[in-house]
Structures are given as structure tokens and as C-alpha cells.
C-alpha atoms as a PDB file:
ATOM      1  CA  MET A   1       0.000   0.000   0.000  1.00  0.00           C
ATOM      2  CA  LEU A   2       1.345   3.398  -0.958  1.00  0.00           C
ATOM      3  CA  ILE A   3       1.168   6.059   1.751  1.00  0.00           C
ATOM      4  CA  ARG A   4       1.246   9.616   0.452  1.00  0.00           C
ATOM      5  CA  ARG A   5       2.068  12.897   2.114  1.00  0.00           C
ATOM      6  CA  SER A   6      -0.527  15.650   2.297  1.00  0.00           C
ATOM      7  CA  ASP A   7       0.868  17.127  -0.931  1.00  0.00           C
ATOM      8  CA  GLY A   8       0.319  13.779  -2.751  1.00  0.00           C
ATOM      9  CA  THR A   9       3.944  12.712  -3.038  1.00  0.00           C
ATOM     10  CA  PRO A  10       4.806   9.152  -1.987  1.00  0.00           C
ATOM     11  CA  GLN A  11       5.988   8.837   1.597  1.00  0.00           C
ATOM     12  CA  GLU A  12       6.320   5.085   2.117  1.00  0.00           C
ATOM     13  CA  ILE A  13       5.162   1.712   0.888  1.00  0.00           C
ATOM     14  CA  ILE A  14       3.674  -0.749   3.347  1.00  0.00           C
ATOM     15  CA  GLY A  15       3.513  -4.374   2.277  1.00  0.00           C
ATOM     16  CA  LEU A  16       3.922  -7.969   3.186  1.00  0.00           C
ATOM     17  CA  TRP A  17       5.899 -10.710   1.528  1.00  0.00           C
ATOM     18  CA  THR A  18       6.663 -14.304   2.269  1.00  0.00           C
ATOM     19  CA  ASP A  19       9.895 -16.063   1.435  1.00  0.00           C
ATOM     20  CA  VAL A  20       8.888 -19.280  -0.343  1.00  0.00           C
ATOM     21  CA  THR A  21      12.443 -20.442  -1.078  1.00  0.00           C
ATOM     22  CA  ALA A  22      12.383 -23.264   1.489  1.00  0.00           C
ATOM     23  CA  GLN A  23       8.972 -24.480   0.276  1.00  0.00           C
ATOM     24  CA  ARG A  24      10.120 -24.523  -3.350  1.00  0.00           C
ATOM     25  CA  GLN A  25      13.253 -26.441  -2.389  1.00  0.00           C
ATOM     26  CA  ALA A  26      11.160 -28.992  -0.444  1.00  0.00           C
ATOM     27  CA  ASP A  27       8.796 -29.361  -3.415  1.00  0.00           C
ATOM     28  CA  GLY A  28      11.771 -30.030  -5.672  1.00  0.00           C
ATOM     29  CA  VAL A  29      13.086 -32.720  -3.332  1.00  0.00           C
ATOM     30  CA  LEU A  30       9.657 -34.398  -3.240  1.00  0.00           C
ATOM     31  CA  ARG A  31       9.427 -34.348  -7.047  1.00  0.00           C
ATOM     32  CA  ARG A  32      12.865 -35.935  -7.379  1.00  0.00           C
ATOM     33  CA  GLN A  33      11.985 -38.615  -4.822  1.00  0.00           C
ATOM     34  CA  ALA A  34       8.719 -39.377  -6.644  1.00  0.00           C
ATOM     35  CA  ASP A  35      10.605 -39.696  -9.928  1.00  0.00           C
ATOM     36  CA  ILE A  36      13.024 -42.164  -8.329  1.00  0.00           C
ATOM     37  CA  ILE A  37      10.193 -44.222  -6.811  1.00  0.00           C
ATOM     38  CA  ASN A  38       8.401 -44.385 -10.172  1.00  0.00           C
ATOM     39  CA  GLN A  39      11.558 -45.708 -11.858  1.00  0.00           C
ATOM     40  CA  ILE A  40      11.761 -48.682  -9.460  1.00  0.00           C
ATOM     41  CA  GLN A  41      10.274 -51.777 -11.085  1.00  0.00           C
ATOM     42  CA  GLU A  42       9.502 -53.476  -7.767  1.00  0.00           C
ATOM     43  CA  THR A  43       6.241 -52.802  -5.937  1.00  0.00           C
ATOM     44  CA  VAL A  44       6.335 -49.711  -3.711  1.00  0.00           C
ATOM     45  CA  ILE A  45       3.214 -48.724  -1.743  1.00  0.00           C
ATOM     46  CA  SER A  46       2.982 -45.936   0.821  1.00  0.00           C
ATOM     47  CA  ILE A  47       0.446 -46.303   3.628  1.00  0.00           C
ATOM     48  CA  ASP A  48      -0.553 -43.766   6.277  1.00  0.00           C
ATOM     49  CA  LEU A  49      -0.618 -44.588   9.995  1.00  0.00           C
ATOM     50  CA  ASP A  50      -4.275 -45.646   9.740  1.00  0.00           C
ATOM     51  CA  GLY A  51      -3.450 -48.234   7.086  1.00  0.00           C
ATOM     52  CA  TYR A  52      -4.843 -46.321   4.104  1.00  0.00           C
ATOM     53  CA  VAL A  53      -2.978 -46.611   0.826  1.00  0.00           C
ATOM     54  CA  MET A  54      -1.842 -43.122  -0.097  1.00  0.00           C
ATOM     55  CA  SER A  55       0.204 -43.800  -3.226  1.00  0.00           C
ATOM     56  CA  TRP A  56       1.917 -46.499  -5.266  1.00  0.00           C
ATOM     57  CA  ASN A  57       4.421 -46.713  -8.066  1.00  0.00           C
ATOM     58  CA  LYS A  58       4.051 -48.208 -11.549  1.00  0.00           C
ATOM     59  CA  GLY A  59       5.441 -51.550 -10.385  1.00  0.00           C
ATOM     60  CA  ALA A  60       2.641 -51.860  -7.829  1.00  0.00           C
ATOM     61  CA  GLY A  61       0.006 -50.953 -10.406  1.00  0.00           C
ATOM     62  CA  GLY A  62       0.642 -54.072 -12.454  1.00  0.00           C
ATOM     63  CA  CYS A  63       1.220 -56.389  -9.524  1.00  0.00           C
ATOM     64  CA  LEU A  64      -1.855 -55.446  -7.533  1.00  0.00           C
ATOM     65  CA  ASP A  65      -4.172 -54.558 -10.450  1.00  0.00           C
ATOM     66  CA  ILE A  66      -4.654 -51.084  -8.999  1.00  0.00           C
ATOM     67  CA  ARG A  67      -5.489 -49.525 -12.352  1.00  0.00           C
ATOM     68  CA  ARG A  68      -9.051 -50.806 -12.002  1.00  0.00           C
ATOM     69  CA  LYS A  69      -9.315 -49.807  -8.332  1.00  0.00           C
ATOM     70  CA  ARG A  70      -8.893 -46.069  -8.703  1.00  0.00           C
ATOM     71  CA  ARG A  71     -10.060 -45.564  -5.104  1.00  0.00           C
ATOM     72  CA  LEU A  72      -8.103 -45.542  -1.889  1.00  0.00           C
ATOM     73  CA  ALA A  73      -7.915 -48.870  -0.136  1.00  0.00           C
ATOM     74  CA  ASN A  74      -7.259 -49.967   3.415  1.00  0.00           C
ATOM     75  CA  ILE A  75      -4.808 -52.772   4.002  1.00  0.00           C
ATOM     76  CA  SER A  76      -5.868 -55.028   6.844  1.00  0.00           C
ATOM     77  CA  HIS A  77      -2.857 -55.588   9.064  1.00  0.00           C
ATOM     78  CA  SER A  78      -4.166 -59.014  10.090  1.00  0.00           C
ATOM     79  CA  SER A  79      -4.274 -60.316   6.503  1.00  0.00           C
ATOM     80  CA  THR A  80      -3.105 -59.458   3.018  1.00  0.00           C
ATOM     81  CA  ARG A  81      -6.586 -58.608   1.713  1.00  0.00           C
ATOM     82  CA  TRP A  82      -7.450 -55.132   0.505  1.00  0.00           C
ATOM     83  CA  LYS A  83     -10.471 -53.407   1.993  1.00  0.00           C
ATOM     84  CA  THR A  84     -12.162 -50.863  -0.241  1.00  0.00           C
ATOM     85  CA  VAL A  85     -13.016 -47.566   1.376  1.00  0.00           C
ATOM     86  CA  SER A  86     -16.389 -46.090   0.482  1.00  0.00           C
ATOM     87  CA  SER A  87     -16.143 -42.433  -0.402  1.00  0.00           C
END
């Protein structure tokens, strides 16, 4: 915001900015890690602490036939079956 003197000349500029350098660097690291994971031919599946499948790589897509299950799934820790989550 431009603050002017009584005669109309600029006196000062008041503003706000945020340094996003660290966030951009973190985003770049995550992109590189995702690229590496997608190049691995073995099955890689990430699960959250509640047991929900959050992501998988291309190797897991073929092995687990995930392409047809485009929804999140819950892995039962007591067995190897997949539980579909209703959305």
C-alpha cells in the first residue's frame, strides 16, 4: 500500500511478503523422490498410519491390479486382503 504525504507525493510503501524459497526447495526434493520411486520396477506402496494406501508406483500398479481400483484402499494388518473404502 502506498502512503502519500498531504501534498500527494509518496511517503512510504507498506507491504507484506513471504519467502517461499524453502517451500520450493522442499517441493523439488519431493518431485525428485517421486521420480526415483516411479523408476523402481519393484512394488512400492505408501500407507498412512491408519493403514490407508496413499500412493503407489508403476510396479505396484501391475502387480496389484490397482489400475481398475482407482479408489483408496485400506490394508488389513491381520491379513493381506485389501479393503475398499467407500467415499
